[in-house]
C-alpha atoms as a PDB file:
ATOM      1  CA  MET A   1       0.734  38.588   4.974  1.00  0.00           C
ATOM      2  CA  PRO A   2       1.396  35.022   3.714  1.00  0.00           C
ATOM      3  CA  LYS A   3       1.795  32.426   6.462  1.00  0.00           C
ATOM      4  CA  VAL A   4       4.402  29.682   6.825  1.00  0.00           C
ATOM      5  CA  GLY A   5       3.094  26.170   7.450  1.00  0.00           C
ATOM      6  CA  THR A   6       5.178  23.237   8.682  1.00  0.00           C
ATOM      7  CA  TYR A   7       4.331  19.790   7.302  1.00  0.00           C
ATOM      8  CA  ARG A   8       5.698  16.418   8.380  1.00  0.00           C
ATOM      9  CA  ALA A   9       6.941  13.799   5.939  1.00  0.00           C
ATOM     10  CA  ASN A  10       4.102  11.646   4.530  1.00  0.00           C
ATOM     11  CA  SER A  11       1.482  14.291   5.305  1.00  0.00           C
ATOM     12  CA  VAL A  12      -0.741  15.823   2.627  1.00  0.00           C
ATOM     13  CA  ILE A  13      -1.055  19.545   1.940  1.00  0.00           C
ATOM     14  CA  TYR A  14      -4.172  19.045  -0.169  1.00  0.00           C
ATOM     15  CA  PHE A  15      -5.999  16.247  -1.970  1.00  0.00           C
ATOM     16  CA  GLN A  16      -7.150  16.044  -5.555  1.00  0.00           C
ATOM     17  CA  GLY A  17     -10.723  17.329  -5.705  1.00  0.00           C
ATOM     18  CA  ASP A  18     -10.355  19.652  -2.711  1.00  0.00           C
ATOM     19  CA  LEU A  19     -11.546  23.231  -3.071  1.00  0.00           C
ATOM     20  CA  GLY A  20      -8.927  25.709  -1.937  1.00  0.00           C
ATOM     21  CA  ASP A  21      -8.064  29.379  -2.222  1.00  0.00           C
ATOM     22  CA  LYS A  22      -4.418  29.099  -1.171  1.00  0.00           C
ATOM     23  CA  ILE A  23      -1.331  29.284  -3.381  1.00  0.00           C
ATOM     24  CA  PHE A  24       1.815  27.682  -2.007  1.00  0.00           C
ATOM     25  CA  VAL A  25       5.563  28.153  -2.393  1.00  0.00           C
ATOM     26  CA  LEU A  26       8.051  25.589  -1.095  1.00  0.00           C
ATOM     27  CA  GLN A  27      10.649  27.112   1.227  1.00  0.00           C
ATOM     28  CA  ARG A  28      12.299  23.961   2.568  1.00  0.00           C
ATOM     29  CA  GLY A  29      11.938  20.199   2.213  1.00  0.00           C
ATOM     30  CA  ARG A  30      10.484  18.069  -0.592  1.00  0.00           C
ATOM     31  CA  VAL A  31       6.962  18.036  -1.989  1.00  0.00           C
ATOM     32  CA  THR A  32       5.544  16.066  -4.908  1.00  0.00           C
ATOM     33  CA  LEU A  33       2.369  16.616  -6.921  1.00  0.00           C
ATOM     34  CA  ASN A  34       0.785  13.241  -7.728  1.00  0.00           C
ATOM     35  CA  TYR A  35      -1.860  12.835 -10.415  1.00  0.00           C
ATOM     36  CA  ASN A  36      -2.960  10.408 -13.115  1.00  0.00           C
ATOM     37  CA  ASP A  37      -1.921  11.036 -16.703  1.00  0.00           C
ATOM     38  CA  ILE A  38      -5.147  11.543 -18.666  1.00  0.00           C
ATOM     39  CA  GLU A  39      -3.739   9.624 -21.630  1.00  0.00           C
ATOM     40  CA  THR A  40      -2.212   6.541 -19.995  1.00  0.00           C
ATOM     41  CA  GLY A  41      -3.820   6.496 -16.556  1.00  0.00           C
ATOM     42  CA  LYS A  42      -0.354   6.128 -15.018  1.00  0.00           C
ATOM     43  CA  LEU A  43       0.539   7.916 -11.812  1.00  0.00           C
ATOM     44  CA  ILE A  44       2.727  10.967 -12.431  1.00  0.00           C
ATOM     45  CA  ARG A  45       4.893  12.363  -9.655  1.00  0.00           C
ATOM     46  CA  GLU A  46       6.070  15.937 -10.209  1.00  0.00           C
ATOM     47  CA  ILE A  47       8.731  17.072  -7.734  1.00  0.00           C
ATOM     48  CA  ILE A  48       8.405  20.678  -6.584  1.00  0.00           C
ATOM     49  CA  GLN A  49      11.712  22.507  -6.349  1.00  0.00           C
ATOM     50  CA  THR A  50      12.548  24.932  -3.547  1.00  0.00           C
ATOM     51  CA  GLY A  51      11.153  28.347  -4.419  1.00  0.00           C
ATOM     52  CA  GLU A  52       8.508  27.020  -6.807  1.00  0.00           C
ATOM     53  CA  PHE A  53       4.795  27.796  -6.588  1.00  0.00           C
ATOM     54  CA  PHE A  54       2.071  25.152  -6.709  1.00  0.00           C
ATOM     55  CA  GLY A  55      -1.723  25.138  -6.428  1.00  0.00           C
ATOM     56  CA  VAL A  56      -1.836  28.298  -8.530  1.00  0.00           C
ATOM     57  CA  LYS A  57      -4.286  27.318 -11.281  1.00  0.00           C
ATOM     58  CA  SER A  58      -6.978  25.844  -9.065  1.00  0.00           C
ATOM     59  CA  ALA A  59      -6.809  28.741  -6.589  1.00  0.00           C
ATOM     60  CA  LEU A  60      -6.959  31.438  -9.267  1.00  0.00           C
ATOM     61  CA  GLY A  61      -9.548  29.565 -11.325  1.00  0.00           C
ATOM     62  CA  ARG A  62     -11.621  28.561  -8.281  1.00  0.00           C
ATOM     63  CA  TYR A  63     -11.938  24.925  -9.339  1.00  0.00           C
ATOM     64  CA  PRO A  64     -11.008  21.665  -7.523  1.00  0.00           C
ATOM     65  CA  ARG A  65      -7.382  20.704  -7.081  1.00  0.00           C
ATOM     66  CA  GLU A  66      -6.078  18.541  -9.925  1.00  0.00           C
ATOM     67  CA  GLU A  67      -3.497  16.625  -7.914  1.00  0.00           C
ATOM     68  CA  ASN A  68      -2.470  15.433  -4.468  1.00  0.00           C
ATOM     69  CA  ALA A  69       0.271  17.551  -2.884  1.00  0.00           C
ATOM     70  CA  VAL A  70       2.283  15.072  -0.787  1.00  0.00           C
ATOM     71  CA  VAL A  71       5.183  15.915   1.534  1.00  0.00           C
ATOM     72  CA  LEU A  72       8.185  13.617   1.022  1.00  0.00           C
ATOM     73  CA  GLU A  73      10.443  15.240   3.608  1.00  0.00           C
ATOM     74  CA  ASP A  74       9.612  17.668   6.436  1.00  0.00           C
ATOM     75  CA  ALA A  75       8.778  20.929   4.701  1.00  0.00           C
ATOM     76  CA  ASN A  76       8.120  24.611   5.300  1.00  0.00           C
ATOM     77  CA  VAL A  77       5.531  25.970   2.869  1.00  0.00           C
ATOM     78  CA  LEU A  78       4.491  29.580   2.435  1.00  0.00           C
ATOM     79  CA  ALA A  79       0.731  29.955   1.829  1.00  0.00           C
ATOM     80  CA  PHE A  80      -0.674  32.974  -0.039  1.00  0.00           C
ATOM     81  CA  THR A  81      -4.306  33.948  -0.293  1.00  0.00           C
ATOM     82  CA  VAL A  82      -5.300  34.901  -3.849  1.00  0.00           C
ATOM     83  CA  PRO A  83      -5.260  38.675  -3.086  1.00  0.00           C
ATOM     84  CA  GLU A  84      -1.827  38.344  -1.438  1.00  0.00           C
ATOM     85  CA  PHE A  85      -0.501  36.416  -4.416  1.00  0.00           C
ATOM     86  CA  GLU A  86      -1.912  38.913  -6.914  1.00  0.00           C
ATOM     87  CA  ALA A  87      -0.303  41.790  -5.021  1.00  0.00           C
ATOM     88  CA  PHE A  88       2.999  39.920  -4.849  1.00  0.00           C
ATOM     89  CA  SER A  89       3.054  38.945  -8.532  1.00  0.00           C
ATOM     90  CA  MET A  90       2.140  42.460  -9.689  1.00  0.00           C
ATOM     91  CA  SER A  91       5.323  43.721  -8.068  1.00  0.00           C
ATOM     92  CA  ASN A  92       7.454  40.925  -9.534  1.00  0.00           C
ATOM     93  CA  THR A  93       7.103  40.578 -13.310  1.00  0.00           C
ATOM     94  CA  ARG A  94       9.707  37.765 -13.361  1.00  0.00           C
ATOM     95  CA  ILE A  95       7.257  35.548 -11.490  1.00  0.00           C
ATOM     96  CA  ILE A  96       4.493  36.280 -14.003  1.00  0.00           C
ATOM     97  CA  ILE A  97       6.728  35.447 -16.987  1.00  0.00           C
ATOM     98  CA  LYS A  98       7.877  32.212 -15.380  1.00  0.00           C
ATOM     99  CA  MET A  99       4.299  31.105 -14.652  1.00  0.00           C
ATOM    100  CA  LEU A 100       3.164  31.947 -18.176  1.00  0.00           C
ATOM    101  CA  LYS A 101       5.898  29.700 -19.585  1.00  0.00           C
ATOM    102  CA  VAL A 102       4.909  26.831 -17.292  1.00  0.00           C
ATOM    103  CA  PHE A 103       1.198  27.171 -18.065  1.00  0.00           C
ATOM    104  CA  SER A 104       1.891  27.385 -21.792  1.00  0.00           C
ATOM    105  CA  ASN A 105       3.897  24.153 -21.761  1.00  0.00           C
ATOM    106  CA  GLN A 106       1.211  22.406 -19.688  1.00  0.00           C
ATOM    107  CA  LEU A 107      -1.548  23.519 -22.064  1.00  0.00           C
ATOM    108  CA  ARG A 108       0.367  22.226 -25.086  1.00  0.00           C
ATOM    109  CA  HIS A 109       0.913  18.883 -23.354  1.00  0.00           C
ATOM    110  CA  ILE A 110      -2.762  18.577 -22.393  1.00  0.00           C
ATOM    111  CA  HIS A 111      -3.848  19.552 -25.899  1.00  0.00           C
ATOM    112  CA  LYS A 112      -1.703  16.757 -27.345  1.00  0.00           C
ATOM    113  CA  GLN A 113      -3.121  14.249 -24.867  1.00  0.00           C
ATOM    114  CA  VAL A 114      -6.705  15.232 -25.708  1.00  0.00           C
ATOM    115  CA  GLU A 115      -5.975  14.809 -29.417  1.00  0.00           C
ATOM    116  CA  ASN A 116      -4.636  11.301 -28.780  1.00  0.00           C
ATOM    117  CA  LEU A 117      -7.649  10.408 -26.667  1.00  0.00           C
ATOM    118  CA  MET A 118     -10.035  11.613 -29.357  1.00  0.00           C
ATOM    119  CA  GLU A 119      -8.261   9.365 -31.850  1.00  0.00           C
ATOM    120  CA  ASN A 120      -8.076   6.420 -29.445  1.00  0.00           C
ATOM    121  CA  PRO A 121     -10.799   6.656 -26.741  1.00  0.00           C
ATOM    122  CA  SER A 122      -9.765   3.334 -25.193  1.00  0.00           C
ATOM    123  CA  ALA A 123      -6.237   4.560 -24.476  1.00  0.00           C
ATOM    124  CA  VAL A 124      -7.077   5.122 -20.808  1.00  0.00           C
ATOM    125  CA  ASN A 125      -9.358   3.370 -18.366  1.00  0.00           C
ATOM    126  CA  ALA A 126     -10.274   5.866 -15.667  1.00  0.00           C
ATOM    127  CA  GLU A 127     -11.672   3.195 -13.365  1.00  0.00           C
ATOM    128  CA  THR A 128      -8.494   1.113 -13.463  1.00  0.00           C
ATOM    129  CA  GLY A 129      -6.325   4.215 -13.112  1.00  0.00           C
ATOM    130  CA  LEU A 130      -8.141   5.303  -9.963  1.00  0.00           C
ATOM    131  CA  TYR A 131      -7.912   1.799  -8.493  1.00  0.00           C
ATOM    132  CA  LYS A 132      -4.176   1.550  -9.208  1.00  0.00           C
ATOM    133  CA  THR A 133      -3.610   4.939  -7.604  1.00  0.00           C
ATOM    134  CA  GLY A 134      -5.170   3.596  -4.417  1.00  0.00           C
ATOM    135  CA  GLU A 135      -2.966   0.501  -4.643  1.00  0.00           C
ATOM    136  CA  TYR A 136       0.124   2.679  -4.982  1.00  0.00           C
ATOM    137  CA  TYR A 137      -0.749   4.683  -1.869  1.00  0.00           C
ATOM    138  CA  LEU A 138      -1.520   1.543   0.128  1.00  0.00           C
ATOM    139  CA  ARG A 139       1.732  -0.097  -0.972  1.00  0.00           C
ATOM    140  CA  SER A 140       3.599   3.052   0.100  1.00  0.00           C
ATOM    141  CA  ARG A 141       1.901   3.025   3.544  1.00  0.00           C
ATOM    142  CA  MET A 142       0.224   6.353   2.680  1.00  0.00           C
ATOM    143  CA  TYR A 143      -2.958   5.182   4.365  1.00  0.00           C
ATOM    144  CA  SER A 144      -4.907   8.458   4.458  1.00  0.00           C
ATOM    145  CA  GLN A 145      -4.402   8.942   0.715  1.00  0.00           C
ATOM    146  CA  ALA A 146      -5.335   5.307   0.032  1.00  0.00           C
ATOM    147  CA  ARG A 147      -8.503   5.708   2.085  1.00  0.00           C
ATOM    148  CA  TYR A 148      -9.448   8.835   0.147  1.00  0.00           C
ATOM    149  CA  VAL A 149      -8.809   7.276  -3.285  1.00  0.00           C
ATOM    150  CA  PHE A 150     -10.603   3.993  -2.602  1.00  0.00           C
ATOM    151  CA  GLY A 151     -13.501   5.974  -1.154  1.00  0.00           C
ATOM    152  CA  ARG A 152     -13.664   7.951  -4.402  1.00  0.00           C
ATOM    153  CA  TYR A 153     -13.498   4.739  -6.412  1.00  0.00           C
ATOM    154  CA  LEU A 154     -16.489   3.276  -4.571  1.00  0.00           C
ATOM    155  CA  THR A 155     -18.375   6.560  -5.027  1.00  0.00           C
ATOM    156  CA  TYR A 156     -17.763   6.688  -8.765  1.00  0.00           C
ATOM    157  CA  TYR A 157     -17.875   2.935  -9.472  1.00  0.00           C
ATOM    158  CA  PRO A 158     -20.091   1.275  -6.817  1.00  0.00           C
ATOM    159  CA  ALA A 159     -20.642  -1.677  -9.172  1.00  0.00           C
ATOM    160  CA  GLY A 160     -17.193  -1.552 -10.750  1.00  0.00           C
ATOM    161  CA  ARG A 161     -15.049  -4.544 -11.588  1.00  0.00           C
ATOM    162  CA  MET A 162     -12.746  -3.929  -8.630  1.00  0.00           C
ATOM    163  CA  ALA A 163     -15.408  -2.638  -6.201  1.00  0.00           C
ATOM    164  CA  GLU A 164     -15.243  -5.636  -3.863  1.00  0.00           C
ATOM    165  CA  GLN A 165     -11.463  -5.492  -3.504  1.00  0.00           C
ATOM    166  CA  ALA A 166     -11.528  -1.690  -3.275  1.00  0.00           C
ATOM    167  CA  GLY A 167     -13.840  -2.087  -0.298  1.00  0.00           C
ATOM    168  CA  ARG A 168     -11.379  -4.461   1.364  1.00  0.00           C
ATOM    169  CA  TYR A 169      -8.492  -2.104   0.679  1.00  0.00           C
ATOM    170  CA  LEU A 170     -10.516   0.800   2.089  1.00  0.00           C
ATOM    171  CA  GLU A 171     -11.027  -1.136   5.327  1.00  0.00           C
ATOM    172  CA  THR A 172      -7.335  -2.007   5.379  1.00  0.00           C
ATOM    173  CA  ALA A 173      -6.312   1.630   4.925  1.00  0.00           C
ATOM    174  CA  GLU A 174      -8.659   2.768   7.711  1.00  0.00           C
ATOM    175  CA  ALA A 175      -7.446   0.054  10.102  1.00  0.00           C
ATOM    176  CA  ALA A 176      -3.776   0.732   9.349  1.00  0.00           C
ATOM    177  CA  LEU A 177      -4.195   4.506   9.694  1.00  0.00           C
ATOM    178  CA  ALA A 178      -5.878   4.121  13.082  1.00  0.00           C
ATOM    179  CA  ARG A 179      -3.382   1.494  14.262  1.00  0.00           C
ATOM    180  CA  TYR A 180      -0.071   2.812  12.915  1.00  0.00           C
ATOM    181  CA  GLY A 181      -0.475   6.228  11.304  1.00  0.00           C
ATOM    182  CA  ASP A 182       0.747   7.196   7.848  1.00  0.00           C
ATOM    183  CA  GLY A 183       4.108   5.838   6.781  1.00  0.00           C
ATOM    184  CA  LYS A 184       4.295   3.237   9.545  1.00  0.00           C
ATOM    185  CA  GLY A 185       3.354  -0.363  10.184  1.00  0.00           C
ATOM    186  CA  PRO A 186       3.928  -3.531   8.155  1.00  0.00           C
ATOM    187  CA  ALA A 187       3.531  -3.377   4.389  1.00  0.00           C
ATOM    188  CA  PRO A 188       0.070  -4.698   3.405  1.00  0.00           C
ATOM    189  CA  LEU A 189       0.563  -8.218   2.070  1.00  0.00           C
ATOM    190  CA  ALA A 190      -1.818  -8.280  -0.863  1.00  0.00           C
ATOM    191  CA  VAL A 191      -0.427  -5.076  -2.328  1.00  0.00           C
ATOM    192  CA  ALA A 192       3.239  -5.390  -1.481  1.00  0.00           C
ATOM    193  CA  GLN A 193       3.715  -9.086  -2.170  1.00  0.00           C
ATOM    194  CA  VAL A 194       1.160  -9.951  -4.860  1.00  0.00           C
ATOM    195  CA  ALA A 195       1.197  -8.469  -8.355  1.00  0.00           C
ATOM    196  CA  SER A 196      -1.992  -6.648  -9.308  1.00  0.00           C
ATOM    197  CA  PRO A 197      -4.314  -8.941 -11.269  1.00  0.00           C
ATOM    198  CA  TYR A 198      -5.169  -6.034 -13.553  1.00  0.00           C
ATOM    199  CA  VAL A 199      -1.702  -5.151 -14.892  1.00  0.00           C
ATOM    200  CA  GLY A 200      -1.616  -5.699 -18.628  1.00  0.00           C
ATOM    201  CA  GLN A 201      -5.209  -6.895 -18.769  1.00  0.00           C
ATOM    202  CA  GLU A 202      -7.284  -3.783 -18.124  1.00  0.00           C
ATOM    203  CA  ASP A 203     -10.000  -4.919 -20.512  1.00  0.00           C
ATOM    204  CA  ALA A 204     -10.159  -8.505 -19.276  1.00  0.00           C
ATOM    205  CA  ALA A 205     -12.443  -9.732 -16.530  1.00  0.00           C
ATOM    206  CA  PRO A 206     -10.249  -9.729 -13.411  1.00  0.00           C
ATOM    207  CA  SER A 207      -9.828 -12.761 -11.226  1.00  0.00           C
ATOM    208  CA  ALA A 208     -10.620 -12.242  -7.578  1.00  0.00           C
ATOM    209  CA  PRO A 209      -7.639 -10.778  -5.687  1.00  0.00           C
ATOM    210  CA  PRO A 210      -6.565 -12.386  -2.433  1.00  0.00           C
ATOM    211  CA  PRO A 211      -8.692 -11.263   0.496  1.00  0.00           C
ATOM    212  CA  MET A 212      -7.192  -8.526   2.589  1.00  0.00           C
ATOM    213  CA  ALA A 213      -8.915  -7.484   5.755  1.00  0.00           C
ATOM    214  CA  ALA A 214      -6.000  -6.028   7.694  1.00  0.00           C
ATOM    215  CA  PRO A 215      -2.292  -5.311   7.293  1.00  0.00           C
ATOM    216  CA  LYS A 216      -0.227  -8.344   8.192  1.00  0.00           C
ATOM    217  CA  PRO A 217       3.286  -9.561   7.458  1.00  0.00           C
ATOM    218  CA  GLN A 218       4.098 -12.145   4.829  1.00  0.00           C
ATOM    219  CA  GLU A 219       2.940 -15.608   5.778  1.00  0.00           C
ATOM    220  CA  GLY A 220       5.669 -18.156   6.439  1.00  0.00           C
ATOM    221  CA  ALA A 221       8.265 -15.438   6.976  1.00  0.00           C
ATOM    222  CA  GLY A 222       9.465 -16.926  10.251  1.00  0.00           C
ATOM    223  CA  LEU A 223       6.598 -15.649  12.372  1.00  0.00           C
ATOM    224  CA  SER A 224       6.084 -17.170  15.786  1.00  0.00           C
ATOM    225  CA  ASP A 225       2.753 -18.712  16.743  1.00  0.00           C
ATOM    226  CA  VAL A 226       2.050 -15.718  19.016  1.00  0.00           C
ATOM    227  CA  ALA A 227       2.653 -13.297  16.131  1.00  0.00           C
ATOM    228  CA  LYS A 228       0.370 -15.292  13.838  1.00  0.00           C
ATOM    229  CA  ASP A 229      -2.335 -15.316  16.500  1.00  0.00           C
ATOM    230  CA  TYR A 230      -2.013 -11.575  16.968  1.00  0.00           C
ATOM    231  CA  TYR A 231      -2.372 -10.747  13.268  1.00  0.00           C
ATOM    232  CA  ASN A 232      -5.299 -13.126  13.056  1.00  0.00           C
ATOM    233  CA  ALA A 233      -6.949 -11.145  15.857  1.00  0.00           C
ATOM    234  CA  VAL A 234      -6.275  -7.868  14.021  1.00  0.00           C
ATOM    235  CA  SER A 235      -7.896  -9.341  10.935  1.00  0.00           C
ATOM    236  CA  LEU A 236     -10.967 -10.369  12.936  1.00  0.00           C
ATOM    237  CA  PHE A 237     -11.164  -6.882  14.473  1.00  0.00           C
ATOM    238  CA  SER A 238     -11.194  -5.243  11.038  1.00  0.00           C
ATOM    239  CA  GLN A 239     -14.069  -7.577  10.114  1.00  0.00           C
ATOM    240  CA  GLU A 240     -15.922  -6.354  13.239  1.00  0.00           C
ATOM    241  CA  LYS A 241     -15.723  -9.806  14.813  1.00  0.00           C
ATOM    242  CA  PHE A 242     -14.787  -8.269  18.131  1.00  0.00           C
ATOM    243  CA  GLN A 243     -15.713 -11.146  20.433  1.00  0.00           C
ATOM    244  CA  GLU A 244     -13.643 -13.602  18.395  1.00  0.00           C
ATOM    245  CA  ALA A 245     -10.723 -11.168  18.325  1.00  0.00           C
ATOM    246  CA  MET A 246     -10.935 -10.729  22.108  1.00  0.00           C
ATOM    247  CA  LYS A 247     -10.632 -14.469  22.723  1.00  0.00           C
ATOM    248  CA  ILE A 248      -7.365 -14.617  20.800  1.00  0.00           C
ATOM    249  CA  LEU A 249      -5.997 -11.443  22.373  1.00  0.00           C
ATOM    250  CA  LYS A 250      -6.876 -12.700  25.866  1.00  0.00           C
ATOM    251  CA  ALA A 251      -5.010 -15.939  25.156  1.00  0.00           C
ATOM    252  CA  ILE A 252      -1.941 -13.945  24.087  1.00  0.00           C
ATOM    253  CA  LEU A 253      -2.057 -11.946  27.313  1.00  0.00           C
ATOM    254  CA  GLU A 254      -2.393 -15.114  29.384  1.00  0.00           C
ATOM    255  CA  THR A 255       0.694 -16.684  27.811  1.00  0.00           C
ATOM    256  CA  GLY A 256       2.765 -13.632  28.695  1.00  0.00           C
ATOM    257  CA  SER A 257       5.382 -14.544  26.109  1.00  0.00           C
ATOM    258  CA  GLU A 258       6.864 -12.170  23.509  1.00  0.00           C
ATOM    259  CA  SER A 259       6.457  -8.796  25.182  1.00  0.00           C
ATOM    260  CA  GLU A 260       6.078  -6.986  21.853  1.00  0.00           C
ATOM    261  CA  TYR A 261       2.858  -8.816  21.045  1.00  0.00           C
ATOM    262  CA  VAL A 262       1.656  -8.740  24.630  1.00  0.00           C
ATOM    263  CA  GLY A 263       1.827  -4.938  24.473  1.00  0.00           C
ATOM    264  CA  LYS A 264      -0.005  -4.890  21.145  1.00  0.00           C
ATOM    265  CA  ALA A 265      -2.624  -7.316  22.441  1.00  0.00           C
ATOM    266  CA  GLN A 266      -3.203  -5.143  25.519  1.00  0.00           C
ATOM    267  CA  PHE A 267      -4.010  -2.163  23.334  1.00  0.00           C
ATOM    268  CA  ASP A 268      -6.231  -4.057  20.913  1.00  0.00           C
ATOM    269  CA  MET A 269      -8.079  -5.738  23.782  1.00  0.00           C
ATOM    270  CA  GLY A 270      -9.142  -2.276  24.887  1.00  0.00           C
ATOM    271  CA  ARG A 271     -10.138  -1.374  21.346  1.00  0.00           C
ATOM    272  CA  CYS A 272     -12.402  -4.418  21.246  1.00  0.00           C
ATOM    273  CA  LEU A 273     -14.073  -3.428  24.516  1.00  0.00           C
ATOM    274  CA  PHE A 274     -14.702   0.057  23.160  1.00  0.00           C
ATOM    275  CA  ALA A 275     -16.029  -1.291  19.848  1.00  0.00           C
ATOM    276  CA  LEU A 276     -18.444  -3.501  21.788  1.00  0.00           C
ATOM    277  CA  GLY A 277     -19.775  -0.486  23.660  1.00  0.00           C
ATOM    278  CA  GLN A 278     -18.375  -1.619  27.005  1.00  0.00           C
ATOM    279  CA  TRP A 279     -17.190   1.866  27.996  1.00  0.00           C
ATOM    280  CA  ASP A 280     -16.575   1.156  31.706  1.00  0.00           C
ATOM    281  CA  LEU A 281     -14.546  -1.974  30.983  1.00  0.00           C
ATOM    282  CA  ALA A 282     -12.573  -0.136  28.311  1.00  0.00           C
ATOM    283  CA  ILE A 283     -11.724   2.664  30.743  1.00  0.00           C
ATOM    284  CA  LYS A 284     -10.747   0.162  33.458  1.00  0.00           C
ATOM    285  CA  HIS A 285      -8.613  -1.835  31.004  1.00  0.00           C
ATOM    286  CA  PHE A 286      -6.779   1.192  29.629  1.00  0.00           C
ATOM    287  CA  THR A 287      -6.309   2.659  33.121  1.00  0.00           C
ATOM    288  CA  GLY A 288      -4.444  -0.526  34.012  1.00  0.00           C
ATOM    289  CA  ILE A 289      -2.145  -0.059  31.013  1.00  0.00           C
ATOM    290  CA  VAL A 290      -1.493   3.612  31.898  1.00  0.00           C
ATOM    291  CA  GLN A 291      -0.510   2.593  35.440  1.00  0.00           C
ATOM    292  CA  SER A 292       1.578  -0.463  34.551  1.00  0.00           C
ATOM    293  CA  ALA A 293       3.124   0.691  31.272  1.00  0.00           C
ATOM    294  CA  PRO A 294       3.255   4.515  31.205  1.00  0.00           C
ATOM    295  CA  LYS A 295       5.633   4.393  28.218  1.00  0.00           C
ATOM    296  CA  HIS A 296       3.412   2.138  26.136  1.00  0.00           C
ATOM    297  CA  PRO A 297       4.041   2.934  22.423  1.00  0.00           C
ATOM    298  CA  ASP A 298       0.295   3.409  21.831  1.00  0.00           C
ATOM    299  CA  MET A 299      -0.226   5.725  24.807  1.00  0.00           C
ATOM    300  CA  ALA A 300      -1.610   8.602  22.720  1.00  0.00           C
ATOM    301  CA  ASP A 301      -4.209   6.312  21.154  1.00  0.00           C
ATOM    302  CA  ILE A 302      -4.996   4.795  24.560  1.00  0.00           C
ATOM    303  CA  LEU A 303      -5.730   8.217  26.056  1.00  0.00           C
ATOM    304  CA  TYR A 304      -7.788   9.175  23.023  1.00  0.00           C
ATOM    305  CA  ILE A 305     -10.005   6.086  23.304  1.00  0.00           C
ATOM    306  CA  MET A 306     -10.375   6.702  27.040  1.00  0.00           C
ATOM    307  CA  GLY A 307     -11.608  10.189  26.168  1.00  0.00           C
ATOM    308  CA  GLN A 308     -14.021   8.693  23.664  1.00  0.00           C
ATOM    309  CA  SER A 309     -15.298   6.286  26.331  1.00  0.00           C
ATOM    310  CA  TRP A 310     -15.981   9.090  28.801  1.00  0.00           C
ATOM    311  CA  GLU A 311     -17.724  11.043  26.060  1.00  0.00           C
ATOM    312  CA  LYS A 312     -19.918   8.032  25.285  1.00  0.00           C
ATOM    313  CA  LYS A 313     -20.782   7.857  28.990  1.00  0.00           C
ATOM    314  CA  GLY A 314     -21.852  11.500  28.880  1.00  0.00           C
ATOM    315  CA  ASP A 315     -18.984  12.899  30.973  1.00  0.00           C
ATOM    316  CA  LYS A 316     -17.743  15.666  28.686  1.00  0.00           C
ATOM    317  CA  ALA A 317     -15.416  17.188  31.296  1.00  0.00           C
ATOM    318  CA  ARG A 318     -13.384  13.993  31.646  1.00  0.00           C
ATOM    319  CA  ALA A 319     -13.485  13.444  27.894  1.00  0.00           C
ATOM    320  CA  LYS A 320     -12.000  16.918  27.351  1.00  0.00           C
ATOM    321  CA  ALA A 321      -9.297  16.197  29.917  1.00  0.00           C
ATOM    322  CA  PHE A 322      -8.149  13.085  28.070  1.00  0.00           C
ATOM    323  CA  PHE A 323      -8.267  14.733  24.638  1.00  0.00           C
ATOM    324  CA  SER A 324      -6.261  17.662  26.032  1.00  0.00           C
ATOM    325  CA  LYS A 325      -3.717  15.235  27.491  1.00  0.00           C
ATOM    326  CA  VAL A 326      -3.176  13.717  24.034  1.00  0.00           C
ATOM    327  CA  LEU A 327      -2.506  17.174  22.591  1.00  0.00           C
ATOM    328  CA  SER A 328      -0.058  17.995  25.409  1.00  0.00           C
ATOM    329  CA  MET A 329       2.056  14.910  24.742  1.00  0.00           C
ATOM    330  CA  PRO A 330       5.296  15.308  22.740  1.00  0.00           C
ATOM    331  CA  GLY A 331       5.141  13.931  19.225  1.00  0.00           C
ATOM    332  CA  ASP A 332       4.276  14.687  15.633  1.00  0.00           C
ATOM    333  CA  ASP A 333       1.546  17.253  15.122  1.00  0.00           C
ATOM    334  CA  ASP A 334       0.308  15.169  12.180  1.00  0.00           C
ATOM    335  CA  SER A 335      -0.063  11.936  14.152  1.00  0.00           C
ATOM    336  CA  SER A 336      -3.420  10.230  13.852  1.00  0.00           C
ATOM    337  CA  ALA A 337      -4.158  10.410  17.598  1.00  0.00           C
ATOM    338  CA  ARG A 338      -3.416  14.148  17.834  1.00  0.00           C
ATOM    339  CA  ILE A 339      -5.526  14.984  14.796  1.00  0.00           C
ATOM    340  CA  LYS A 340      -8.466  12.973  16.143  1.00  0.00           C
ATOM    341  CA  ALA A 341      -8.089  14.393  19.655  1.00  0.00           C
ATOM    342  CA  LYS A 342      -8.019  17.969  18.366  1.00  0.00           C
ATOM    343  CA  LYS A 343     -11.128  17.354  16.298  1.00  0.00           C
ATOM    344  CA  ALA A 344     -12.928  15.689  19.213  1.00  0.00           C
ATOM    345  CA  LEU A 345     -11.964  18.497  21.593  1.00  0.00           C
ATOM    346  CA  GLY A 346     -13.208  21.073  19.122  1.00  0.00           C
ATOM    347  CA  ALA A 347     -16.530  19.264  18.798  1.00  0.00           C
ATOM    348  CA  LEU A 348     -16.893  19.464  22.580  1.00  0.00           C
ATOM    349  CA  GLY A 349     -16.159  23.168  22.552  1.00  0.00           C
ATOM    350  CA  GLY A 350     -12.734  22.811  24.120  1.00  0.00           C
ATOM    351  CA  ALA A 351     -10.532  24.099  21.272  1.00  0.00           C
END
């Protein structure tokens, strides 16, 4: 029997290039299929209507997914295996006719695009298209998708024109995903505030984009000195300059002003200790936060890193206890901390 899956907004059902044998039908919510037009390189967003199937061609043809299936609003999605779908469609000829019409229209469109590309091979620049797709995801705070796309870019074009900036954006996406989770956090400055240097000049040598090591708000936008110091520390952390970041974070904690940034600094101070391999100090630091601020907004991540620290120390039992605690906490099933904790617990044989 087909199974119903529940997906949170901003989560991904599958990525382009994934191998999958499931066919999906949208029961509730909003889902979009995102892919690059082969003729123009532009990002196409195809909204799936309630009751529509998607992922059919790649599942039946056993080839990689051609698009990213992204959830716009909380959705319920029915997942068929190929045998289940074949049995279902054989008993419902209306479904077969509808799919044949869709596939026929898609094939005609692709055929026309291929003809245009044969006549004008320079009509699309795959490298630039892939890079811009990553920019779009980063601008939209879809950090996991941005990480995936920029990773693909660096795999396909390790010496590409935008390789250096793609590497920075990849680091930014990873840092933002770990710090905020998809769909949250401040908009990355270089993408949200600065026009892409490649728009309208795909064949020209690009000028170097502004450096971007970590997500931070727009400079000069009324930030306090404490806020500026904090985002400077985050930037240093993403560059693996942990000792330098710790000095700034410690100064923020000593001032005690602006509770929002004090709370953030507390968390990132512990992250620095963990990154430096100081497991005991990290555990002691985070234990202090758990005791003094049990409702800290980063509590799930705090408990996860504590579990990681115990695992690094070789105490698997305590590590499992902390990972299990993360999973028992209320919150989104698709949150970064829960996903990581579940994976870590499984690796330890606890799930």
